[in-house]
Protein backbone atom coordinates (compact mmCIF):
# COMPACT_ATOMS: atom_id res chain seq x y z
CA MET A 1 3.77 20.63 -13.13
CA ARG A 2 4.50 17.70 -10.50
CA TYR A 3 4.68 18.44 -7.10
CA PHE A 4 6.30 16.12 -4.31
CA VAL A 5 5.80 16.37 -0.61
CA SER A 6 9.01 16.56 1.09
CA LEU A 7 8.93 14.49 4.28
CA THR A 8 11.04 17.09 6.48
CA THR A 9 8.69 17.28 9.78
CA ASN A 10 6.86 16.10 11.94
CA VAL A 11 4.47 19.00 12.19
CA GLY A 12 3.45 19.80 8.57
CA ILE A 13 4.30 19.38 5.01
CA ARG A 14 6.23 20.93 2.71
CA ILE A 15 5.93 20.77 -1.24
CA SER A 16 8.72 20.96 -3.33
CA ASN A 17 9.08 21.24 -7.34
CA PHE A 18 10.38 18.08 -8.65
CA ARG A 19 13.91 19.79 -9.83
CA THR A 20 14.93 21.51 -6.24
CA ALA A 21 13.45 18.41 -3.96
CA ILE A 22 16.36 17.68 -1.35
CA THR A 23 15.82 14.07 -2.18
CA PHE A 24 13.69 11.38 -3.22
CA TYR A 25 13.78 9.41 -0.68
CA ARG A 26 11.58 11.92 1.40
CA GLN A 27 8.96 12.53 -1.07
CA THR A 28 5.88 11.21 -1.80
CA ARG A 29 3.03 12.89 -3.99
CA LEU A 30 0.05 15.72 -3.09
CA LYS A 31 -2.02 16.95 -5.43
CA SER A 32 -2.36 20.57 -4.48
CA LYS A 33 0.55 22.57 -3.22
CA TRP A 34 -0.49 22.68 0.28
CA LEU A 35 -2.74 20.63 2.19
CA ALA A 36 -3.82 22.31 5.63
CA PHE A 37 -4.09 19.43 8.21
CA LEU A 38 -7.27 19.63 10.48
CA PRO A 39 -6.88 18.33 13.71
CA VAL A 40 -7.76 15.07 14.40
CA ALA A 41 -11.10 15.23 16.24
CA PHE A 42 -12.48 17.43 14.06
CA ALA A 43 -11.76 15.19 11.32
CA ALA A 44 -12.99 12.38 12.97
CA GLY A 45 -16.20 14.19 14.08
CA LEU A 46 -17.02 15.49 10.67
CA LEU A 47 -16.64 12.27 9.03
CA LEU A 48 -18.29 10.01 11.82
CA VAL A 49 -21.26 8.31 10.25
CA GLN A 50 -23.32 5.61 11.06
CA PRO A 51 -22.92 1.87 9.49
CA CYS A 52 -25.66 1.09 6.40
CA ILE A 53 -26.19 -1.73 4.51
CA ALA A 54 -24.09 -1.59 1.24
CA ALA A 55 -26.13 -1.79 -2.24
CA PRO A 56 -24.49 -4.06 -5.19
CA GLY A 57 -21.97 -2.17 -6.86
CA GLN A 58 -22.03 0.84 -4.46
CA TRP A 59 -20.23 2.22 -1.95
CA GLU A 60 -21.84 2.74 1.91
CA PHE A 61 -20.26 4.46 4.60
CA THR A 62 -19.40 2.06 7.86
CA GLY A 63 -18.04 3.02 11.16
CA SER A 64 -15.48 5.88 11.03
CA LEU A 65 -11.94 5.30 12.01
CA ASN A 66 -11.17 6.55 15.87
CA THR A 67 -8.12 8.41 14.38
CA ALA A 68 -8.21 9.87 10.85
CA ARG A 69 -5.05 8.31 9.40
CA SER A 70 -3.15 8.13 6.03
CA GLN A 71 0.14 5.86 4.92
CA HIS A 72 -1.23 3.04 7.45
CA THR A 73 -1.48 -0.49 6.71
CA ALA A 74 -4.57 -2.82 7.11
CA THR A 75 -4.40 -6.10 7.73
CA LEU A 76 -7.00 -9.16 7.41
CA LEU A 77 -6.76 -11.14 10.68
CA LEU A 78 -7.63 -14.93 11.24
CA ASP A 79 -11.00 -14.05 12.83
CA GLY A 80 -12.22 -11.74 10.43
CA LYS A 81 -11.00 -8.68 12.03
CA VAL A 82 -8.81 -5.68 10.23
CA LEU A 83 -5.83 -4.64 12.07
CA VAL A 84 -5.44 -1.01 11.08
CA ALA A 85 -1.51 0.19 12.40
CA GLY A 86 0.34 3.32 12.41
CA GLY A 87 0.39 6.07 9.93
CA VAL A 88 0.54 9.89 9.65
CA ASN A 89 -1.66 13.14 10.39
CA ASN A 90 -0.10 15.87 11.92
CA GLY A 91 2.89 13.44 12.34
CA ALA A 92 3.64 9.96 12.67
CA LEU A 93 1.07 7.84 14.54
CA ALA A 94 1.53 4.59 16.24
CA SER A 95 -1.98 4.17 17.64
CA ALA A 96 -3.80 0.87 15.89
CA GLU A 97 -7.40 -0.02 15.70
CA LEU A 98 -9.73 -3.10 14.82
CA TYR A 99 -12.20 -2.94 12.61
CA ASP A 100 -15.33 -5.57 13.35
CA PRO A 101 -17.15 -6.34 10.31
CA ALA A 102 -20.27 -8.09 12.50
CA ASN A 103 -21.04 -4.60 13.70
CA GLY A 104 -19.22 -2.43 11.77
CA THR A 105 -17.04 -0.56 14.22
CA TRP A 106 -13.80 0.12 14.95
CA SER A 107 -11.86 -0.27 18.60
CA PHE A 108 -8.11 0.61 19.76
CA THR A 109 -5.62 -2.38 20.38
CA GLY A 110 -2.17 -1.99 21.41
CA SER A 111 -0.26 0.78 19.69
CA LEU A 112 3.32 0.39 18.12
CA ASN A 113 6.17 0.75 19.64
CA ALA A 114 7.06 3.19 17.73
CA ALA A 115 4.94 5.61 15.44
CA ARG A 116 5.60 5.29 11.68
CA TYR A 117 4.32 5.41 8.15
CA LEU A 118 5.15 3.93 4.61
CA HIS A 119 5.81 0.91 6.81
CA THR A 120 4.62 -2.47 5.68
CA ALA A 121 2.46 -4.82 7.79
CA THR A 122 2.60 -9.07 6.69
CA LEU A 123 0.13 -11.47 7.95
CA LEU A 124 2.54 -14.50 9.39
CA SER A 125 1.45 -17.83 8.74
CA ASP A 126 0.62 -18.39 12.76
CA GLY A 127 -1.70 -15.47 12.86
CA ARG A 128 0.23 -12.73 14.22
CA VAL A 129 1.49 -9.30 12.22
CA PHE A 130 4.99 -8.40 10.95
CA VAL A 131 5.46 -4.50 10.79
CA ALA A 132 8.70 -3.57 9.58
CA GLY A 133 10.42 -0.21 8.84
CA GLY A 134 8.80 2.96 7.84
CA TYR A 135 9.11 6.83 8.23
CA ASN A 136 9.06 8.76 11.17
CA THR A 137 11.34 12.40 11.64
CA ALA A 138 11.45 12.24 15.53
CA PHE A 139 13.21 9.39 15.18
CA GLY A 140 15.52 10.65 12.10
CA GLY A 141 13.61 9.54 9.08
CA ALA A 142 13.68 5.96 7.64
CA LEU A 143 13.37 3.39 10.50
CA ALA A 144 14.99 0.03 11.34
CA SER A 145 12.90 -1.36 13.75
CA ALA A 146 10.30 -3.90 13.78
CA GLU A 147 7.44 -5.27 15.63
CA ILE A 148 4.99 -8.22 15.64
CA TYR A 149 1.37 -8.04 16.85
CA ASP A 150 -0.27 -10.81 18.97
CA PRO A 151 -4.19 -10.70 18.37
CA THR A 152 -4.22 -13.24 21.23
CA THR A 153 -3.43 -10.50 23.44
CA GLY A 154 -3.33 -7.40 21.56
CA THR A 155 0.08 -6.04 22.30
CA TRP A 156 3.57 -5.25 20.04
CA ALA A 157 6.62 -6.91 20.85
CA ALA A 158 10.15 -5.76 19.41
CA THR A 159 12.12 -8.14 17.09
CA ALA A 160 15.07 -7.81 15.19
CA ASP A 161 15.95 -4.56 13.53
CA LEU A 162 16.39 -4.36 9.51
CA THR A 163 19.93 -3.81 9.02
CA ASP A 164 19.32 -1.13 6.56
CA ALA A 165 16.54 1.40 7.65
CA ARG A 166 14.08 1.92 4.88
CA PHE A 167 10.90 2.75 3.50
CA GLY A 168 9.04 2.68 0.10
CA HIS A 169 10.03 -1.13 0.31
CA THR A 170 7.60 -4.06 -0.09
CA ALA A 171 7.30 -7.12 2.44
CA THR A 172 6.37 -10.80 0.99
CA LEU A 173 5.45 -13.56 2.99
CA LEU A 174 7.19 -16.59 1.01
CA SER A 175 5.70 -20.13 1.02
CA THR A 176 8.44 -20.97 3.57
CA GLY A 177 6.70 -18.70 6.00
CA LYS A 178 9.80 -16.60 6.19
CA VAL A 179 9.36 -12.41 4.97
CA LEU A 180 11.08 -11.11 2.19
CA VAL A 181 11.99 -7.54 2.37
CA ALA A 182 12.81 -5.78 -1.07
CA GLY A 183 14.16 -2.51 -1.62
CA GLY A 184 13.11 1.06 -0.44
CA GLY A 185 15.41 3.57 0.63
CA ALA A 186 16.15 6.51 3.05
CA GLU A 187 18.83 9.17 2.15
CA ARG A 188 20.09 6.79 -0.50
CA LEU A 189 18.75 3.58 -2.30
CA VAL A 190 18.81 0.47 0.09
CA GLY A 191 20.81 -2.49 -1.66
CA ALA A 192 20.65 -5.30 0.57
CA THR A 193 17.18 -7.59 0.35
CA GLU A 194 16.37 -9.12 4.03
CA VAL A 195 14.29 -12.12 5.06
CA TYR A 196 13.37 -12.66 8.34
CA ASP A 197 12.47 -15.63 9.86
CA PRO A 198 9.85 -15.75 12.39
CA ALA A 199 10.76 -18.84 14.08
CA THR A 200 13.94 -17.45 15.12
CA GLY A 201 13.22 -13.99 15.42
CA THR A 202 16.16 -13.11 13.05
CA TRP A 203 17.26 -11.87 9.39
CA SER A 204 19.35 -13.10 6.73
CA PHE A 205 20.62 -11.72 3.42
CA ALA A 206 19.69 -12.19 0.02
CA ASP A 207 20.78 -11.02 -3.23
CA PRO A 208 20.89 -7.04 -3.36
CA PHE A 209 18.24 -5.23 -5.24
CA HIS A 210 17.72 -1.59 -5.66
CA ARG A 211 14.43 0.05 -6.19
CA ALA A 212 11.34 1.52 -4.32
CA PHE A 213 7.50 2.02 -4.77
CA HIS A 214 7.68 -0.76 -6.66
CA THR A 215 5.42 -3.86 -6.03
CA ALA A 216 6.27 -7.43 -5.10
CA THR A 217 3.79 -10.40 -5.96
CA LEU A 218 4.13 -13.96 -4.55
CA LEU A 219 3.29 -16.22 -7.38
CA LEU A 220 1.99 -19.81 -7.43
CA ASP A 221 5.33 -21.06 -7.79
CA GLY A 222 6.32 -19.91 -4.67
CA LYS A 223 8.53 -17.19 -6.66
CA VAL A 224 8.43 -13.14 -5.96
CA LEU A 225 7.46 -11.05 -9.19
CA VAL A 226 8.62 -7.38 -8.57
CA ALA A 227 7.79 -5.03 -10.99
CA GLY A 228 8.23 -1.35 -11.84
CA GLY A 229 9.48 1.10 -9.17
CA LYS A 230 11.95 4.16 -9.38
CA ILE A 231 15.75 4.85 -8.66
CA PRO A 232 16.71 8.30 -8.35
CA GLU A 233 15.59 10.63 -11.49
CA HIS A 234 14.26 7.34 -13.30
CA TRP A 235 11.29 5.69 -13.15
CA LEU A 236 11.74 1.64 -14.07
CA LYS A 237 9.90 -0.75 -16.32
CA SER A 238 12.38 -3.24 -15.31
CA VAL A 239 10.76 -6.86 -13.66
CA ARG A 240 12.81 -9.01 -11.32
CA LEU A 241 12.17 -12.95 -10.16
CA TYR A 242 13.32 -13.67 -6.81
CA ASP A 243 13.71 -17.46 -6.23
CA PRO A 244 13.88 -18.45 -2.19
CA ALA A 245 15.58 -21.94 -3.19
CA THR A 246 18.69 -19.69 -3.96
CA ASP A 247 18.06 -16.30 -2.71
CA MET A 248 18.67 -14.64 -5.89
CA TRP A 249 16.92 -12.49 -8.01
CA GLY A 250 16.77 -13.06 -12.01
CA PRO A 251 15.37 -11.69 -15.10
CA THR A 252 11.75 -11.71 -16.67
CA GLY A 253 10.00 -10.27 -19.21
CA ASP A 254 10.00 -5.96 -18.62
CA LEU A 255 6.99 -4.30 -18.56
CA ASN A 256 5.65 -2.15 -21.33
CA LYS A 257 5.45 1.28 -19.25
CA ALA A 258 7.56 2.54 -17.03
CA ARG A 259 6.16 2.90 -13.54
CA ASP A 260 5.85 3.36 -9.77
CA HIS A 261 2.94 3.84 -7.49
CA HIS A 262 1.17 1.12 -9.19
CA THR A 263 -0.72 -1.79 -8.05
CA ALA A 264 -0.59 -5.61 -8.98
CA THR A 265 -2.62 -8.00 -8.55
CA LEU A 266 -2.22 -11.98 -9.06
CA LEU A 267 -5.57 -13.13 -10.56
CA SER A 268 -6.56 -16.68 -9.75
CA ASP A 269 -5.33 -18.23 -13.27
CA GLY A 270 -1.84 -16.92 -11.50
CA LYS A 271 -1.14 -14.05 -13.83
CA VAL A 272 -0.40 -10.80 -12.49
CA LEU A 273 -2.76 -7.87 -13.69
CA VAL A 274 -0.46 -4.31 -13.10
CA ALA A 275 -2.56 -1.21 -13.54
CA GLY A 276 -2.00 2.83 -13.32
CA GLY A 277 0.74 4.06 -11.65
CA PHE A 278 2.79 7.20 -12.29
CA LYS A 279 6.12 8.60 -14.86
CA TYR A 280 7.97 11.70 -15.04
CA PRO A 281 7.85 13.52 -17.24
CA GLY A 282 4.53 12.83 -17.99
CA TYR A 283 1.56 11.77 -15.68
CA GLU A 284 -0.26 9.02 -14.25
CA ASN A 285 -1.12 5.95 -16.38
CA ALA A 286 -4.28 4.68 -17.28
CA SER A 287 -2.15 1.57 -18.94
CA SER A 288 -3.02 -1.99 -17.59
CA GLU A 289 -0.82 -4.77 -18.52
CA LEU A 290 -1.36 -8.47 -17.55
CA TYR A 291 2.53 -11.07 -17.07
CA ASP A 292 1.97 -14.48 -17.55
CA PRO A 293 4.74 -16.53 -15.53
CA ALA A 294 4.23 -19.12 -18.23
CA THR A 295 6.19 -17.38 -20.93
CA GLY A 296 7.55 -14.49 -18.96
CA THR A 297 6.13 -11.66 -20.75
CA TRP A 298 3.68 -8.67 -20.25
CA THR A 299 0.25 -7.84 -22.69
CA ASN A 300 -1.03 -4.75 -22.95
CA THR A 301 -4.96 -4.88 -21.55
CA HIS A 302 -7.58 -2.38 -22.39
CA ARG A 303 -7.11 0.80 -20.05
CA LEU A 304 -8.47 2.18 -17.19
CA HIS A 305 -11.14 4.50 -17.49
CA ASN A 306 -9.44 7.22 -15.20
CA ARG A 307 -5.58 7.81 -15.00
CA ARG A 308 -4.64 7.54 -11.31
CA ASP A 309 -1.89 6.80 -8.64
CA LEU A 310 -1.64 5.78 -5.16
CA HIS A 311 -4.93 3.70 -5.68
CA THR A 312 -6.16 0.06 -4.27
CA ALA A 313 -6.49 -2.70 -6.24
CA THR A 314 -8.29 -5.74 -4.98
CA LEU A 315 -9.10 -9.07 -6.12
CA LEU A 316 -12.79 -10.25 -5.55
CA ALA A 317 -14.23 -13.18 -4.91
CA ASN A 318 -15.84 -13.73 -8.67
CA GLY A 319 -12.25 -13.15 -9.84
CA THR A 320 -12.63 -9.58 -10.81
CA VAL A 321 -10.21 -6.96 -10.00
CA LEU A 322 -11.38 -3.50 -7.99
CA VAL A 323 -9.48 -0.65 -8.35
CA ALA A 324 -10.78 2.66 -6.26
CA GLY A 325 -9.49 6.40 -5.70
CA GLY A 326 -6.44 7.67 -6.04
CA ALA A 327 -5.10 10.92 -7.69
CA ASP A 328 -3.97 12.68 -10.90
CA ARG A 329 -2.86 15.83 -12.13
CA THR A 330 -6.37 17.49 -11.60
CA GLY A 331 -6.96 16.14 -7.80
CA ILE A 332 -7.96 13.31 -5.83
CA ILE A 333 -10.00 10.45 -7.34
CA ALA A 334 -13.68 9.18 -6.19
CA SER A 335 -14.07 6.87 -9.11
CA ALA A 336 -13.70 2.94 -9.04
CA GLU A 337 -14.10 0.27 -11.93
CA ARG A 338 -13.74 -3.28 -12.38
CA TYR A 339 -11.47 -5.36 -14.64
CA ASP A 340 -12.73 -8.63 -16.03
CA GLU A 341 -9.83 -10.64 -16.96
CA ALA A 342 -12.44 -13.21 -19.50
CA LEU A 343 -13.93 -9.78 -21.15
CA ASP A 344 -10.23 -7.88 -21.30
CA ASN A 345 -12.18 -5.05 -20.20
CA TRP A 346 -12.21 -2.63 -17.52
CA GLN A 347 -15.79 -1.23 -16.23
CA LEU A 348 -16.98 1.93 -13.93
CA THR A 349 -18.42 0.96 -10.85
CA GLY A 350 -20.38 3.16 -8.02
CA SER A 351 -18.13 6.04 -6.99
CA LEU A 352 -16.47 6.56 -3.17
CA ASN A 353 -18.49 8.64 -1.46
CA ASN A 354 -15.44 10.53 0.07
CA ALA A 355 -12.54 10.73 -2.87
CA ARG A 356 -9.41 9.52 -1.22
CA TYR A 357 -5.66 8.64 -1.85
CA TYR A 358 -2.85 6.98 0.20
CA HIS A 359 -6.05 4.69 1.68
CA THR A 360 -6.16 0.81 2.44
CA ALA A 361 -8.51 -1.48 0.97
CA ILE A 362 -8.89 -5.23 2.00
CA LEU A 363 -11.87 -7.97 0.71
CA LEU A 364 -13.59 -9.16 3.90
CA PRO A 365 -14.76 -12.59 4.33
CA ASN A 366 -18.21 -11.69 3.50
CA GLY A 367 -16.98 -10.75 0.18
CA LYS A 368 -17.29 -6.91 0.87
CA VAL A 369 -14.28 -4.34 0.37
CA LEU A 370 -13.25 -2.09 3.11
CA VAL A 371 -11.60 1.07 2.53
CA ALA A 372 -10.21 2.99 5.06
CA GLY A 373 -8.57 6.56 5.71
CA GLY A 374 -6.24 8.48 3.22
CA TYR A 375 -6.09 11.86 2.25
CA GLY A 376 -9.32 13.58 1.02
CA PRO A 377 -9.95 17.25 -0.25
CA GLY A 378 -7.88 19.41 2.19
CA THR A 379 -7.90 16.94 4.97
CA VAL A 380 -6.88 13.22 6.78
CA LEU A 381 -9.85 10.67 6.43
CA SER A 382 -11.34 8.68 9.11
CA SER A 383 -14.27 7.73 7.24
CA ALA A 384 -14.39 3.87 6.17
CA GLU A 385 -16.71 2.20 3.31
CA LEU A 386 -17.85 -0.63 2.43
CA TYR A 387 -18.17 -1.76 -1.46
CA ASP A 388 -20.72 -4.78 -2.38
CA PRO A 389 -19.75 -6.17 -5.55
């Protein structure tokens, strides 16, 4: 039996069976029937650990977030610090924090104007961070609001709203410096594709597009590859290419397996690795596929060691891809593995100290990977860990 979380209150989360869920767009996954949220102070205190030095191929704790959170965003800033914004823990969060790799600590910075989770955060060409959409029951559910963080002042400023409120969407920085926001939903699928221009603070429309919980990857030629996702009652294997020159979506080869809540990673040779995900009826995927832009086709690769969705995937400095955490039908996953394209092989590496999903992962300038927050067994996590390749 597959369960979903119905996002209908900001106090807790109620599980509903897939067949009786009120609406897909108020659903996100949980691996057990009930999750008791612990108070933030208790969770943070329980998981607070002093930073240490990670051994090669292993995870070590670093400083904990000040506020435990899940379904947040994490963005690497131009100065090497990491901005974590929003998320959920007994309701949507407005707080934001900065991680300093030099001392392994987190500090609060300016709060979002609107608390939100399941939003997107995009680093703009000028170093500011653009946040759009998301979810907050206190504001009626899906959000249309957008705001920009200025690292020089540590503050957020509202900008023009999306035409359509949405979550479960993607936001991709184009080579033009504009941001493509595609898909997602509220009470229904959102059809409008919107393009934000930071220079003018305005939105324009592009070719319509329908799906949610897909991936979007900027290719080396400037086009955007959107893969998989979901429409009500159907998981997708269809793939589309967005061309900024025409503002139109075009077809390309389909995935071999339909999926949502997967990851897509641009490799150094321009190919795209898709890994894991979920499809109903059935369970999490262990399959992975490579997209070749030169041919527009997908090729199956070796399977992951663990079925998983809601995981993270990070391209490492040596060109391999690190997949960490996630969940499957048995529970929350701590394992991690690396894909080597030259060998077409996945190899297990050190496991996370805290099993987690709906966390974030960021490649730091020193080559290490920072994982923060997420859902752990029975709690929302404040812990953060560093992986040393």
